[in-house]
Every structure is written in C-alpha cells, then in structure tokens.
Amino acid sequence: MIELTPNEKRIIDNIIERFDFEKAHALFVTMGWTYYDEKDAPTVKMLESCARSILESLLANPKHTWCESGRFRATKNSESVALMLIFDDVVEESINE
C-alpha cells in the first residue's frame, strides 16, 4: 500500500473527528444493522475503524474516486474528500419472466 502523506493523514483525522459516530451508532441500533455474523450493532470504535480504513484506502489509491464498506462511502475529487453513511433501500425485480 502507498504511504499516506502528512496532509492526507490530517484530512482523515479531521474527517474522523468531525463525523458523528454516536449518531451513526444509534442508527445502526435502531435499524438492527450488524457487521458480519455479529448479533449486535458495531460499536462506535468499530464504526470509526471502518471509516478510517476506507478513507485510507481511497487516499492511498490516486486513481480511485470512491470506496465503500460497512455502510460508509468515501469519495474524493480534485477539491475535497467526503465521508458519508449510506442508507440503501434496494428493491430489485427480474425483467426476465
């Protein structure tokens, strides 16, 4: 993996510091969301770790513009890096009968 620059590390730290992981945790609990085979919602520390991991992966790969895992999505463009909690409610039906 490519080593992150001090500026990239600062960006990640600032995003992690400003993101409301307590609110994200409350949403996980309310929605009954879990990770993997866990029976309970992930802890705040687990959520922070997941978010940090995808931000690091995104910034370590210059060609990538987004990365997602664990209901988090990180995006970047020439002007900014963003972290969001994603709520996808997908309904799919086959077009072939």
C-alpha atoms as a PDB file:
ATOM      1  CA  MET A   1       0.000   0.000   0.000  1.00  0.00           C
ATOM      2  CA  ILE A   2       1.164   3.527  -0.727  1.00  0.00           C
ATOM      3  CA  GLU A   3       2.251   5.537   2.309  1.00  0.00           C
ATOM      4  CA  LEU A   4      -0.084   8.439   3.049  1.00  0.00           C
ATOM      5  CA  THR A   5       1.313  11.952   3.118  1.00  0.00           C
ATOM      6  CA  PRO A   6       1.089  14.040   6.299  1.00  0.00           C
ATOM      7  CA  ASN A   7      -1.630  16.132   4.615  1.00  0.00           C
ATOM      8  CA  GLU A   8      -3.670  13.037   3.728  1.00  0.00           C
ATOM      9  CA  LYS A   9      -3.350  11.800   7.327  1.00  0.00           C
ATOM     10  CA  ARG A  10      -4.510  15.215   8.555  1.00  0.00           C
ATOM     11  CA  ILE A  11      -7.515  15.132   6.223  1.00  0.00           C
ATOM     12  CA  ILE A  12      -8.512  11.691   7.519  1.00  0.00           C
ATOM     13  CA  ASP A  13      -8.065  12.730  11.154  1.00  0.00           C
ATOM     14  CA  ASN A  14     -10.190  15.853  10.595  1.00  0.00           C
ATOM     15  CA  ILE A  15     -12.984  13.878   8.929  1.00  0.00           C
ATOM     16  CA  ILE A  16     -12.982  11.226  11.672  1.00  0.00           C
ATOM     17  CA  GLU A  17     -13.026  13.935  14.343  1.00  0.00           C
ATOM     18  CA  ARG A  18     -15.951  15.789  12.740  1.00  0.00           C
ATOM     19  CA  PHE A  19     -18.114  12.782  11.800  1.00  0.00           C
ATOM     20  CA  ASP A  20     -20.859  11.978  14.330  1.00  0.00           C
ATOM     21  CA  PHE A  21     -20.183   8.300  15.010  1.00  0.00           C
ATOM     22  CA  GLU A  22     -22.514   8.331  18.018  1.00  0.00           C
ATOM     23  CA  LYS A  23     -25.393   9.238  15.703  1.00  0.00           C
ATOM     24  CA  ALA A  24     -24.273   6.580  13.201  1.00  0.00           C
ATOM     25  CA  HIS A  25     -24.190   4.014  16.014  1.00  0.00           C
ATOM     26  CA  ALA A  26     -27.698   5.000  17.121  1.00  0.00           C
ATOM     27  CA  LEU A  27     -28.924   4.497  13.545  1.00  0.00           C
ATOM     28  CA  PHE A  28     -27.292   1.056  13.386  1.00  0.00           C
ATOM     29  CA  VAL A  29     -29.004   0.080  16.642  1.00  0.00           C
ATOM     30  CA  THR A  30     -32.388   1.463  15.561  1.00  0.00           C
ATOM     31  CA  MET A  31     -32.220  -0.250  12.172  1.00  0.00           C
ATOM     32  CA  GLY A  32     -30.905  -3.523  13.589  1.00  0.00           C
ATOM     33  CA  TRP A  33     -27.813  -3.353  11.339  1.00  0.00           C
ATOM     34  CA  THR A  34     -24.836  -5.530  12.204  1.00  0.00           C
ATOM     35  CA  TYR A  35     -21.455  -6.393  10.721  1.00  0.00           C
ATOM     36  CA  TYR A  36     -20.638  -9.871   9.504  1.00  0.00           C
ATOM     37  CA  ASP A  37     -22.024 -12.525  11.824  1.00  0.00           C
ATOM     38  CA  GLU A  38     -22.288 -10.237  14.850  1.00  0.00           C
ATOM     39  CA  LYS A  39     -25.576 -10.228  16.731  1.00  0.00           C
ATOM     40  CA  ASP A  40     -25.257  -6.613  17.900  1.00  0.00           C
ATOM     41  CA  ALA A  41     -24.639  -3.337  16.120  1.00  0.00           C
ATOM     42  CA  PRO A  42     -20.971  -2.394  15.763  1.00  0.00           C
ATOM     43  CA  THR A  43     -19.514  -0.199  18.480  1.00  0.00           C
ATOM     44  CA  VAL A  44     -18.597   3.420  17.882  1.00  0.00           C
ATOM     45  CA  LYS A  45     -14.914   2.377  17.783  1.00  0.00           C
ATOM     46  CA  MET A  46     -15.690  -0.280  15.141  1.00  0.00           C
ATOM     47  CA  LEU A  47     -17.508   2.303  13.037  1.00  0.00           C
ATOM     48  CA  GLU A  48     -14.591   4.728  13.353  1.00  0.00           C
ATOM     49  CA  SER A  49     -12.163   1.976  12.362  1.00  0.00           C
ATOM     50  CA  CYS A  50     -14.195   1.043   9.284  1.00  0.00           C
ATOM     51  CA  ALA A  51     -14.483   4.667   8.203  1.00  0.00           C
ATOM     52  CA  ARG A  52     -10.770   5.298   8.710  1.00  0.00           C
ATOM     53  CA  SER A  53      -9.926   2.183   6.712  1.00  0.00           C
ATOM     54  CA  ILE A  54     -11.937   3.205   3.654  1.00  0.00           C
ATOM     55  CA  LEU A  55     -10.597   6.769   3.798  1.00  0.00           C
ATOM     56  CA  GLU A  56      -7.032   5.439   3.933  1.00  0.00           C
ATOM     57  CA  SER A  57      -7.716   3.062   1.059  1.00  0.00           C
ATOM     58  CA  LEU A  58      -9.249   5.840  -1.016  1.00  0.00           C
ATOM     59  CA  LEU A  59      -6.427   8.291  -0.466  1.00  0.00           C
ATOM     60  CA  ALA A  60      -3.737   5.651  -0.993  1.00  0.00           C
ATOM     61  CA  ASN A  61      -5.071   4.947  -4.487  1.00  0.00           C
ATOM     62  CA  PRO A  62      -4.739   8.048  -6.695  1.00  0.00           C
ATOM     63  CA  LYS A  63      -6.970   6.667  -9.467  1.00  0.00           C
ATOM     64  CA  HIS A  64      -9.900   5.846  -7.191  1.00  0.00           C
ATOM     65  CA  THR A  65     -12.680   8.367  -6.655  1.00  0.00           C
ATOM     66  CA  TRP A  66     -14.743   6.375  -4.146  1.00  0.00           C
ATOM     67  CA  CYS A  67     -14.571   3.462  -1.741  1.00  0.00           C
ATOM     68  CA  GLU A  68     -17.253   1.902   0.426  1.00  0.00           C
ATOM     69  CA  SER A  69     -17.625  -0.689   3.138  1.00  0.00           C
ATOM     70  CA  GLY A  70     -19.714  -1.214   6.248  1.00  0.00           C
ATOM     71  CA  ARG A  71     -22.405   1.266   5.148  1.00  0.00           C
ATOM     72  CA  PHE A  72     -19.796   4.010   4.759  1.00  0.00           C
ATOM     73  CA  ARG A  73     -18.819   5.612   1.468  1.00  0.00           C
ATOM     74  CA  ALA A  74     -15.797   7.839   0.997  1.00  0.00           C
ATOM     75  CA  THR A  75     -15.473   9.980  -2.109  1.00  0.00           C
ATOM     76  CA  LYS A  76     -12.852  12.357  -3.437  1.00  0.00           C
ATOM     77  CA  ASN A  77     -12.438  14.801  -6.247  1.00  0.00           C
ATOM     78  CA  SER A  78      -9.874  17.480  -7.021  1.00  0.00           C
ATOM     79  CA  GLU A  79     -11.296  19.732  -4.301  1.00  0.00           C
ATOM     80  CA  SER A  80     -12.421  17.585  -1.380  1.00  0.00           C
ATOM     81  CA  VAL A  81     -12.738  14.259   0.400  1.00  0.00           C
ATOM     82  CA  ALA A  82     -16.069  13.238   1.930  1.00  0.00           C
ATOM     83  CA  LEU A  83     -17.338  10.505   4.231  1.00  0.00           C
ATOM     84  CA  MET A  84     -20.986   9.528   4.344  1.00  0.00           C
ATOM     85  CA  LEU A  85     -23.127   6.901   5.979  1.00  0.00           C
ATOM     86  CA  ILE A  86     -25.223   5.302   3.267  1.00  0.00           C
ATOM     87  CA  PHE A  87     -28.744   4.043   3.627  1.00  0.00           C
ATOM     88  CA  ASP A  88     -29.622   1.979   0.597  1.00  0.00           C
ATOM     89  CA  ASP A  89     -33.084   0.503   0.349  1.00  0.00           C
ATOM     90  CA  VAL A  90     -32.884  -1.514  -2.828  1.00  0.00           C
ATOM     91  CA  VAL A  91     -35.805  -3.340  -4.375  1.00  0.00           C
ATOM     92  CA  GLU A  92     -34.979  -5.403  -7.407  1.00  0.00           C
ATOM     93  CA  GLU A  93     -37.098  -7.492  -9.731  1.00  0.00           C
ATOM     94  CA  SER A  94     -36.028  -9.573 -12.687  1.00  0.00           C
ATOM     95  CA  ILE A  95     -37.026  -8.302 -16.117  1.00  0.00           C
ATOM     96  CA  ASN A  96     -36.975 -11.849 -17.422  1.00  0.00           C
ATOM     97  CA  GLU A  97     -40.074 -13.880 -16.768  1.00  0.00           C
END
